[in-house]
Amino acid sequence: MISKYLSSIEGISIFPVIGLIIFFGLFIFLIVRIVRLDKKYISQMGNLPLENNNEIKNNNEIKDETN
């Protein structure tokens, strides 16, 4: 039923292409951003759940130094 209505709309075939381009654009952006992240910062964030409150304060100071 829905395909009947969609097939009657002219130019509707461009929307899947636009959606695919947006998806891959965002995907590539995220991959580039992850690759460019500082490895020290990633390690600190990975260890964050394992630390106590005193070490968390020190991590915030280290994060400010890296920026």
PDB file of N, CA and C in Angstrom:
ATOM      1  N   MET A   1       0.824  -1.189   0.000  1.00  0.00           N
ATOM      2  CA  MET A   1       0.000   0.000   0.000  1.00  0.00           C
ATOM      3  C   MET A   1       0.872   1.259   0.000  1.00  0.00           C
ATOM      4  N   ILE A   2       1.846   1.297   0.880  1.00  0.00           N
ATOM      5  CA  ILE A   2       2.712   2.479   0.956  1.00  0.00           C
ATOM      6  C   ILE A   2       3.556   2.603  -0.307  1.00  0.00           C
ATOM      7  N   SER A   3       4.036   1.468  -0.823  1.00  0.00           N
ATOM      8  CA  SER A   3       4.873   1.524  -2.029  1.00  0.00           C
ATOM      9  C   SER A   3       4.095   2.066  -3.225  1.00  0.00           C
ATOM     10  N   LYS A   4       2.787   1.845  -3.237  1.00  0.00           N
ATOM     11  CA  LYS A   4       1.953   2.380  -4.320  1.00  0.00           C
ATOM     12  C   LYS A   4       1.977   3.904  -4.299  1.00  0.00           C
ATOM     13  N   TYR A   5       1.858   4.474  -3.106  1.00  0.00           N
ATOM     14  CA  TYR A   5       1.865   5.933  -2.985  1.00  0.00           C
ATOM     15  C   TYR A   5       3.256   6.509  -3.241  1.00  0.00           C
ATOM     16  N   LEU A   6       4.271   5.828  -2.740  1.00  0.00           N
ATOM     17  CA  LEU A   6       5.636   6.318  -2.933  1.00  0.00           C
ATOM     18  C   LEU A   6       6.068   6.247  -4.392  1.00  0.00           C
ATOM     19  N   SER A   7       5.604   5.238  -5.115  1.00  0.00           N
ATOM     20  CA  SER A   7       5.999   5.124  -6.520  1.00  0.00           C
ATOM     21  C   SER A   7       5.355   6.198  -7.385  1.00  0.00           C
ATOM     22  N   SER A   8       4.280   6.791  -6.907  1.00  0.00           N
ATOM     23  CA  SER A   8       3.615   7.841  -7.687  1.00  0.00           C
ATOM     24  C   SER A   8       4.256   9.216  -7.495  1.00  0.00           C
ATOM     25  N   ILE A   9       5.169   9.349  -6.522  1.00  0.00           N
ATOM     26  CA  ILE A   9       5.833  10.631  -6.263  1.00  0.00           C
ATOM     27  C   ILE A   9       7.053  10.743  -7.171  1.00  0.00           C
ATOM     28  N   GLU A  10       7.126  11.819  -7.935  1.00  0.00           N
ATOM     29  CA  GLU A  10       8.269  12.021  -8.822  1.00  0.00           C
ATOM     30  C   GLU A  10       9.489  12.474  -8.021  1.00  0.00           C
ATOM     31  N   GLY A  11      10.636  11.957  -8.363  1.00  0.00           N
ATOM     32  CA  GLY A  11      11.879  12.365  -7.725  1.00  0.00           C
ATOM     33  C   GLY A  11      12.111  11.736  -6.366  1.00  0.00           C
ATOM     34  N   ILE A  12      11.302  10.765  -5.966  1.00  0.00           N
ATOM     35  CA  ILE A  12      11.448  10.142  -4.651  1.00  0.00           C
ATOM     36  C   ILE A  12      12.702   9.272  -4.574  1.00  0.00           C
ATOM     37  N   SER A  13      13.212   8.843  -5.709  1.00  0.00           N
ATOM     38  CA  SER A  13      14.363   7.935  -5.715  1.00  0.00           C
ATOM     39  C   SER A  13      15.644   8.600  -5.233  1.00  0.00           C
ATOM     40  N   ILE A  14      15.689   9.906  -5.137  1.00  0.00           N
ATOM     41  CA  ILE A  14      16.891  10.604  -4.681  1.00  0.00           C
ATOM     42  C   ILE A  14      17.047  10.531  -3.153  1.00  0.00           C
ATOM     43  N   PHE A  15      15.955  10.351  -2.427  1.00  0.00           N
ATOM     44  CA  PHE A  15      16.017  10.360  -0.969  1.00  0.00           C
ATOM     45  C   PHE A  15      16.827   9.205  -0.378  1.00  0.00           C
ATOM     46  N   PRO A  16      16.733   7.980  -0.882  1.00  0.00           N
ATOM     47  CA  PRO A  16      17.618   6.929  -0.355  1.00  0.00           C
ATOM     48  C   PRO A  16      19.096   7.230  -0.604  1.00  0.00           C
ATOM     49  N   VAL A  17      19.407   7.838  -1.718  1.00  0.00           N
ATOM     50  CA  VAL A  17      20.796   8.194  -2.024  1.00  0.00           C
ATOM     51  C   VAL A  17      21.282   9.261  -1.050  1.00  0.00           C
ATOM     52  N   ILE A  18      20.451  10.251  -0.791  1.00  0.00           N
ATOM     53  CA  ILE A  18      20.813  11.307   0.163  1.00  0.00           C
ATOM     54  C   ILE A  18      21.021  10.716   1.552  1.00  0.00           C
ATOM     55  N   GLY A  19      20.132   9.819   1.964  1.00  0.00           N
ATOM     56  CA  GLY A  19      20.277   9.166   3.266  1.00  0.00           C
ATOM     57  C   GLY A  19      21.561   8.370   3.376  1.00  0.00           C
ATOM     58  N   LEU A  20      21.910   7.668   2.313  1.00  0.00           N
ATOM     59  CA  LEU A  20      23.142   6.884   2.300  1.00  0.00           C
ATOM     60  C   LEU A  20      24.373   7.782   2.380  1.00  0.00           C
ATOM     61  N   ILE A  21      24.359   8.882   1.664  1.00  0.00           N
ATOM     62  CA  ILE A  21      25.483   9.827   1.701  1.00  0.00           C
ATOM     63  C   ILE A  21      25.635  10.431   3.092  1.00  0.00           C
ATOM     64  N   ILE A  22      24.534  10.804   3.716  1.00  0.00           N
ATOM     65  CA  ILE A  22      24.590  11.362   5.075  1.00  0.00           C
ATOM     66  C   ILE A  22      25.129  10.326   6.050  1.00  0.00           C
ATOM     67  N   PHE A  23      24.654   9.087   5.960  1.00  0.00           N
ATOM     68  CA  PHE A  23      25.117   8.022   6.850  1.00  0.00           C
ATOM     69  C   PHE A  23      26.619   7.815   6.722  1.00  0.00           C
ATOM     70  N   PHE A  24      27.113   7.638   5.500  1.00  0.00           N
ATOM     71  CA  PHE A  24      28.539   7.400   5.311  1.00  0.00           C
ATOM     72  C   PHE A  24      29.371   8.625   5.671  1.00  0.00           C
ATOM     73  N   GLY A  25      28.843   9.814   5.445  1.00  0.00           N
ATOM     74  CA  GLY A  25      29.557  11.025   5.842  1.00  0.00           C
ATOM     75  C   GLY A  25      29.760  11.091   7.343  1.00  0.00           C
ATOM     76  N   LEU A  26      28.717  10.815   8.100  1.00  0.00           N
ATOM     77  CA  LEU A  26      28.830  10.818   9.559  1.00  0.00           C
ATOM     78  C   LEU A  26      29.727   9.683  10.046  1.00  0.00           C
ATOM     79  N   PHE A  27      29.620   8.524   9.417  1.00  0.00           N
ATOM     80  CA  PHE A  27      30.444   7.382   9.786  1.00  0.00           C
ATOM     81  C   PHE A  27      31.924   7.693   9.576  1.00  0.00           C
ATOM     82  N   ILE A  28      32.268   8.260   8.457  1.00  0.00           N
ATOM     83  CA  ILE A  28      33.663   8.614   8.171  1.00  0.00           C
ATOM     84  C   ILE A  28      34.146   9.698   9.128  1.00  0.00           C
ATOM     85  N   PHE A  29      33.290  10.683   9.436  1.00  0.00           N
ATOM     86  CA  PHE A  29      33.646  11.730  10.389  1.00  0.00           C
ATOM     87  C   PHE A  29      33.984  11.130  11.746  1.00  0.00           C
ATOM     88  N   LEU A  30      33.171  10.185  12.228  1.00  0.00           N
ATOM     89  CA  LEU A  30      33.431   9.564  13.525  1.00  0.00           C
ATOM     90  C   LEU A  30      34.709   8.735  13.505  1.00  0.00           C
ATOM     91  N   ILE A  31      34.964   8.026  12.439  1.00  0.00           N
ATOM     92  CA  ILE A  31      36.194   7.237  12.334  1.00  0.00           C
ATOM     93  C   ILE A  31      37.419   8.151  12.379  1.00  0.00           C
ATOM     94  N   VAL A  32      37.394   9.246  11.639  1.00  0.00           N
ATOM     95  CA  VAL A  32      38.518  10.190  11.631  1.00  0.00           C
ATOM     96  C   VAL A  32      38.703  10.797  13.014  1.00  0.00           C
ATOM     97  N   ARG A  33      37.617  11.148  13.669  1.00  0.00           N
ATOM     98  CA  ARG A  33      37.715  11.755  14.999  1.00  0.00           C
ATOM     99  C   ARG A  33      38.297  10.769  16.008  1.00  0.00           C
ATOM    100  N   ILE A  34      37.896   9.518  15.949  1.00  0.00           N
ATOM    101  CA  ILE A  34      38.408   8.511  16.873  1.00  0.00           C
ATOM    102  C   ILE A  34      39.891   8.265  16.629  1.00  0.00           C
ATOM    103  N   VAL A  35      40.304   8.210  15.384  1.00  0.00           N
ATOM    104  CA  VAL A  35      41.711   7.965  15.062  1.00  0.00           C
ATOM    105  C   VAL A  35      42.578   9.126  15.537  1.00  0.00           C
ATOM    106  N   ARG A  36      42.059  10.339  15.486  1.00  0.00           N
ATOM    107  CA  ARG A  36      42.846  11.519  15.855  1.00  0.00           C
ATOM    108  C   ARG A  36      42.868  11.792  17.353  1.00  0.00           C
ATOM    109  N   LEU A  37      42.088  11.056  18.159  1.00  0.00           N
ATOM    110  CA  LEU A  37      42.079  11.280  19.598  1.00  0.00           C
ATOM    111  C   LEU A  37      43.441  10.963  20.200  1.00  0.00           C
ATOM    112  N   ASP A  38      43.773  11.689  21.269  1.00  0.00           N
ATOM    113  CA  ASP A  38      45.023  11.482  21.979  1.00  0.00           C
ATOM    114  C   ASP A  38      44.983  10.134  22.698  1.00  0.00           C
ATOM    115  N   LYS A  39      45.995   9.309  22.494  1.00  0.00           N
ATOM    116  CA  LYS A  39      46.030   7.963  23.079  1.00  0.00           C
ATOM    117  C   LYS A  39      46.086   8.023  24.608  1.00  0.00           C
ATOM    118  N   LYS A  40      46.751   9.035  25.149  1.00  0.00           N
ATOM    119  CA  LYS A  40      46.829   9.188  26.600  1.00  0.00           C
ATOM    120  C   LYS A  40      45.440   9.478  27.172  1.00  0.00           C
ATOM    121  N   TYR A  41      44.685  10.314  26.496  1.00  0.00           N
ATOM    122  CA  TYR A  41      43.329  10.649  26.931  1.00  0.00           C
ATOM    123  C   TYR A  41      42.424   9.419  26.873  1.00  0.00           C
ATOM    124  N   ILE A  42      42.551   8.614  25.828  1.00  0.00           N
ATOM    125  CA  ILE A  42      41.749   7.393  25.701  1.00  0.00           C
ATOM    126  C   ILE A  42      42.076   6.429  26.838  1.00  0.00           C
ATOM    127  N   SER A  43      43.344   6.294  27.163  1.00  0.00           N
ATOM    128  CA  SER A  43      43.761   5.412  28.250  1.00  0.00           C
ATOM    129  C   SER A  43      43.207   5.890  29.586  1.00  0.00           C
ATOM    130  N   GLN A  44      43.248   7.190  29.813  1.00  0.00           N
ATOM    131  CA  GLN A  44      42.715   7.740  31.061  1.00  0.00           C
ATOM    132  C   GLN A  44      41.215   7.511  31.171  1.00  0.00           C
ATOM    133  N   MET A  45      40.494   7.706  30.091  1.00  0.00           N
ATOM    134  CA  MET A  45      39.045   7.496  30.114  1.00  0.00           C
ATOM    135  C   MET A  45      38.712   6.016  30.295  1.00  0.00           C
ATOM    136  N   GLY A  46      39.546   5.136  29.767  1.00  0.00           N
ATOM    137  CA  GLY A  46      39.336   3.701  29.938  1.00  0.00           C
ATOM    138  C   GLY A  46      39.556   3.248  31.365  1.00  0.00           C
ATOM    139  N   ASN A  47      40.474   3.905  32.069  1.00  0.00           N
ATOM    140  CA  ASN A  47      40.766   3.548  33.453  1.00  0.00           C
ATOM    141  C   ASN A  47      39.899   4.296  34.456  1.00  0.00           C
ATOM    142  N   LEU A  48      39.113   5.230  34.010  1.00  0.00           N
ATOM    143  CA  LEU A  48      38.308   6.063  34.899  1.00  0.00           C
ATOM    144  C   LEU A  48      37.393   5.263  35.826  1.00  0.00           C
ATOM    145  N   PRO A  49      36.684   4.241  35.366  1.00  0.00           N
ATOM    146  CA  PRO A  49      35.807   3.505  36.287  1.00  0.00           C
ATOM    147  C   PRO A  49      36.567   2.730  37.357  1.00  0.00           C
ATOM    148  N   LEU A  50      37.852   2.519  37.183  1.00  0.00           N
ATOM    149  CA  LEU A  50      38.646   1.734  38.120  1.00  0.00           C
ATOM    150  C   LEU A  50      39.324   2.586  39.184  1.00  0.00           C
ATOM    151  N   GLU A  51      39.228   3.890  39.085  1.00  0.00           N
ATOM    152  CA  GLU A  51      39.944   4.782  39.985  1.00  0.00           C
ATOM    153  C   GLU A  51      39.045   5.244  41.126  1.00  0.00           C
ATOM    154  N   ASN A  52      39.708   5.728  42.206  1.00  0.00           N
ATOM    155  CA  ASN A  52      38.928   6.298  43.307  1.00  0.00           C
ATOM    156  C   ASN A  52      38.794   7.804  43.118  1.00  0.00           C
ATOM    157  N   ASN A  53      38.121   8.491  44.029  1.00  0.00           N
ATOM    158  CA  ASN A  53      37.802   9.913  43.854  1.00  0.00           C
ATOM    159  C   ASN A  53      39.036  10.809  43.788  1.00  0.00           C
ATOM    160  N   ASN A  54      40.082  10.511  44.559  1.00  0.00           N
ATOM    161  CA  ASN A  54      41.283  11.351  44.535  1.00  0.00           C
ATOM    162  C   ASN A  54      41.964  11.301  43.169  1.00  0.00           C
ATOM    163  N   GLU A  55      42.003  10.131  42.567  1.00  0.00           N
ATOM    164  CA  GLU A  55      42.639  10.003  41.263  1.00  0.00           C
ATOM    165  C   GLU A  55      41.814  10.665  40.169  1.00  0.00           C
ATOM    166  N   ILE A  56      40.501  10.726  40.344  1.00  0.00           N
ATOM    167  CA  ILE A  56      39.634  11.373  39.356  1.00  0.00           C
ATOM    168  C   ILE A  56      39.939  12.863  39.294  1.00  0.00           C
ATOM    169  N   LYS A  57      40.167  13.493  40.439  1.00  0.00           N
ATOM    170  CA  LYS A  57      40.510  14.912  40.450  1.00  0.00           C
ATOM    171  C   LYS A  57      41.812  15.147  39.692  1.00  0.00           C
ATOM    172  N   ASN A  58      42.788  14.263  39.866  1.00  0.00           N
ATOM    173  CA  ASN A  58      44.056  14.396  39.157  1.00  0.00           C
ATOM    174  C   ASN A  58      43.862  14.235  37.654  1.00  0.00           C
ATOM    175  N   ASN A  59      42.955  13.359  37.241  1.00  0.00           N
ATOM    176  CA  ASN A  59      42.694  13.171  35.813  1.00  0.00           C
ATOM    177  C   ASN A  59      42.113  14.424  35.190  1.00  0.00           C
ATOM    178  N   ASN A  60      41.262  15.134  35.922  1.00  0.00           N
ATOM    179  CA  ASN A  60      40.700  16.375  35.396  1.00  0.00           C
ATOM    180  C   ASN A  60      41.795  17.406  35.179  1.00  0.00           C
ATOM    181  N   GLU A  61      42.773  17.444  36.058  1.00  0.00           N
ATOM    182  CA  GLU A  61      43.887  18.364  35.890  1.00  0.00           C
ATOM    183  C   GLU A  61      44.727  17.967  34.677  1.00  0.00           C
ATOM    184  N   ILE A  62      44.940  16.671  34.482  1.00  0.00           N
ATOM    185  CA  ILE A  62      45.720  16.193  33.339  1.00  0.00           C
ATOM    186  C   ILE A  62      44.980  16.492  32.044  1.00  0.00           C
ATOM    187  N   LYS A  63      43.660  16.325  32.045  1.00  0.00           N
ATOM    188  CA  LYS A  63      42.863  16.593  30.845  1.00  0.00           C
ATOM    189  C   LYS A  63      43.004  18.057  30.443  1.00  0.00           C
ATOM    190  N   ASP A  64      42.987  18.969  31.428  1.00  0.00           N
ATOM    191  CA  ASP A  64      43.135  20.386  31.131  1.00  0.00           C
ATOM    192  C   ASP A  64      44.506  20.682  30.524  1.00  0.00           C
ATOM    193  N   GLU A  65      45.525  19.940  30.943  1.00  0.00           N
ATOM    194  CA  GLU A  65      46.864  20.150  30.405  1.00  0.00           C
ATOM    195  C   GLU A  65      46.966  19.693  28.952  1.00  0.00           C
ATOM    196  N   THR A  66      46.224  18.638  28.584  1.00  0.00           N
ATOM    197  CA  THR A  66      46.309  18.128  27.215  1.00  0.00           C
ATOM    198  C   THR A  66      45.586  19.025  26.234  1.00  0.00           C
ATOM    199  N   ASN A  67      44.614  19.796  26.674  1.00  0.00           N
ATOM    200  CA  ASN A  67      43.876  20.696  25.769  1.00  0.00           C
ATOM    201  C   ASN A  67      44.605  21.950  25.616  1.00  0.00           C
TER     202      ASN A  67
END
